[in-house]
Amino acid sequence: MAAYLWLVWYDATSRGAPKHWTLAVSYEASDRAYATVYEVMLDLTGRYQSRVIRRVHLTSNHPSGAYGGKILLGEVNDGVLCALEAYSDTAAELVNTHNRKRGQASSNCQDWAAIIVRSLEDAMLLPQGSLARLEKCPRTG
């Protein structure tokens, strides 16, 4: 059974603020599909922690803002689904390491998503051009 990997973004709290990005996996290509959502959120110490939320509508609002849009990144196989949580944890650590070196908030959920998509594309688990499509998505307000 094919699964679909989406980049989903949510409206920012203000015009110049970054939009919140998540990655979602669904088994249908419909707006009403339920998905498993992968994301990073800041914890109380200022570090990003990855988390997984199951059974969320693709077009649902998020606590950080209203649903803003989505793009289909590609179909993924069961191997990707099994590894996506580990990819998410690793990407969160890379973002945290970058922020320790360059200053808090120099990397965020958008960088986290790009790291994962780049890794999947490099491993030929997502179609070529997926990262280029992600990079064209709205980033702020």
Protein backbone atom coordinates (compact mmCIF):
# COMPACT_ATOMS: atom_id res chain seq x y z
CA MET A 1 0.00 0.00 0.00
CA ALA A 2 1.40 3.38 -0.98
CA ALA A 3 1.73 6.12 1.56
CA TYR A 4 2.00 9.82 0.78
CA LEU A 5 4.45 12.25 2.40
CA TRP A 6 3.26 15.84 2.69
CA LEU A 7 4.77 19.08 3.87
CA VAL A 8 2.05 20.95 5.79
CA TRP A 9 2.42 24.53 7.01
CA TYR A 10 0.41 26.65 9.40
CA ASP A 11 -0.15 30.39 9.52
CA ALA A 12 2.38 32.43 11.47
CA THR A 13 1.40 34.48 14.49
CA SER A 14 2.56 37.70 12.81
CA ARG A 15 3.62 38.94 9.38
CA GLY A 16 7.39 38.45 9.85
CA ALA A 17 7.22 35.33 12.02
CA PRO A 18 8.07 31.89 10.58
CA LYS A 19 5.27 29.52 9.60
CA HIS A 20 5.23 26.20 11.44
CA TRP A 21 6.09 23.28 9.15
CA THR A 22 5.29 19.61 9.74
CA LEU A 23 5.64 16.42 7.73
CA ALA A 24 2.56 14.23 7.43
CA VAL A 25 2.05 10.70 6.15
CA SER A 26 -1.35 9.59 4.84
CA TYR A 27 -2.64 6.57 2.97
CA GLU A 28 -4.96 8.69 0.83
CA ALA A 29 -4.26 11.73 -1.34
CA SER A 30 -7.45 13.45 -0.15
CA ASP A 31 -7.77 16.63 1.95
CA ARG A 32 -10.01 14.72 4.35
CA ALA A 33 -7.44 11.97 4.86
CA TYR A 34 -6.17 11.18 8.30
CA ALA A 35 -2.41 11.41 8.70
CA THR A 36 0.41 10.77 11.10
CA VAL A 37 2.13 14.10 11.72
CA TYR A 38 5.83 14.45 12.50
CA GLU A 39 7.07 17.75 13.88
CA VAL A 40 9.52 19.48 16.18
CA MET A 41 8.47 21.84 18.93
CA LEU A 42 10.51 23.93 21.35
CA ASP A 43 10.58 22.56 24.89
CA LEU A 44 10.96 24.60 28.09
CA THR A 45 14.76 24.59 27.76
CA GLY A 46 14.68 26.09 24.26
CA ARG A 47 15.62 22.84 22.51
CA TYR A 48 13.63 21.27 19.70
CA GLN A 49 12.08 17.90 20.48
CA SER A 50 10.51 15.70 17.84
CA ARG A 51 7.05 14.29 18.34
CA VAL A 52 4.53 12.20 16.47
CA ILE A 53 0.76 12.83 16.46
CA ARG A 54 -1.48 10.17 14.99
CA ARG A 55 -4.92 10.45 13.35
CA VAL A 56 -4.90 14.11 12.38
CA HIS A 57 -6.80 15.47 9.37
CA LEU A 58 -4.35 16.81 6.79
CA THR A 59 -6.12 20.18 6.77
CA SER A 60 -6.68 20.53 10.53
CA ASN A 61 -5.56 23.59 12.41
CA HIS A 62 -2.55 23.36 14.72
CA PRO A 63 -2.06 24.92 18.17
CA SER A 64 0.59 27.19 16.63
CA GLY A 65 -1.76 28.53 13.92
CA ALA A 66 -4.46 27.88 11.37
CA TYR A 67 -3.89 25.46 8.51
CA GLY A 68 -2.05 27.33 5.77
CA GLY A 69 -1.41 24.80 3.00
CA LYS A 70 0.35 21.64 1.93
CA ILE A 71 2.29 20.06 -0.90
CA LEU A 72 2.71 16.43 -1.78
CA LEU A 73 6.40 15.53 -1.62
CA GLY A 74 5.92 12.02 -2.97
CA GLU A 75 4.96 8.44 -2.33
CA VAL A 76 6.97 6.57 0.29
CA ASN A 77 7.31 2.87 1.07
CA ASP A 78 7.01 0.98 4.34
CA GLY A 79 10.76 1.24 4.94
CA VAL A 80 10.50 5.01 5.07
CA LEU A 81 7.53 4.82 7.42
CA CYS A 82 9.50 2.62 9.79
CA ALA A 83 12.47 5.00 9.77
CA LEU A 84 10.71 8.37 9.76
CA GLU A 85 10.66 8.75 13.54
CA ALA A 86 14.42 8.12 13.69
CA TYR A 87 14.98 10.62 10.85
CA SER A 88 12.93 13.14 12.83
CA ASP A 89 14.92 12.63 16.03
CA THR A 90 18.24 12.94 14.18
CA ALA A 91 17.15 16.08 12.33
CA ALA A 92 16.02 17.64 15.63
CA GLU A 93 19.47 17.01 17.11
CA LEU A 94 21.12 18.59 14.05
CA VAL A 95 18.92 21.69 14.43
CA ASN A 96 19.75 21.89 18.16
CA THR A 97 23.48 21.54 17.45
CA HIS A 98 23.32 24.28 14.84
CA ASN A 99 21.46 26.56 17.27
CA ARG A 100 24.07 25.93 20.01
CA LYS A 101 26.84 26.96 17.62
CA ARG A 102 25.15 29.88 15.85
CA GLY A 103 22.59 31.15 18.33
CA GLN A 104 19.10 30.25 19.44
CA ALA A 105 16.50 30.15 16.66
CA SER A 106 19.02 30.32 13.82
CA SER A 107 17.47 27.00 12.73
CA ASN A 108 13.85 25.95 13.19
CA CYS A 109 11.15 23.49 12.09
CA GLN A 110 11.67 24.51 8.46
CA ASP A 111 15.34 23.49 8.60
CA TRP A 112 14.31 20.26 10.34
CA ALA A 113 11.90 19.43 7.49
CA ALA A 114 14.52 20.27 4.84
CA ILE A 115 17.07 17.97 6.52
CA ILE A 116 14.65 15.05 6.44
CA VAL A 117 13.52 15.62 2.86
CA ARG A 118 17.12 16.06 1.67
CA SER A 119 18.09 12.80 3.38
CA LEU A 120 15.17 10.90 1.86
CA GLU A 121 15.82 12.34 -1.59
CA ASP A 122 19.56 11.56 -1.37
CA ALA A 123 18.68 7.97 -0.43
CA MET A 124 16.31 7.84 -3.45
CA LEU A 125 13.35 7.27 -1.14
CA LEU A 126 11.62 10.42 -2.42
CA PRO A 127 11.46 11.60 -6.04
CA GLN A 128 14.16 13.98 -7.28
CA GLY A 129 12.86 17.54 -7.01
CA SER A 130 11.08 17.02 -3.67
CA LEU A 131 13.55 19.27 -1.85
CA ALA A 132 13.28 21.93 -4.57
CA ARG A 133 9.47 21.95 -4.14
CA LEU A 134 9.84 22.20 -0.36
CA GLU A 135 12.21 25.17 -0.72
CA LYS A 136 9.55 27.11 -2.67
CA CYS A 137 6.97 26.83 0.14
CA PRO A 138 5.99 29.91 2.18
CA ARG A 139 8.25 30.47 5.16
CA THR A 140 6.93 33.58 6.90
CA GLY A 141 3.70 35.34 7.89
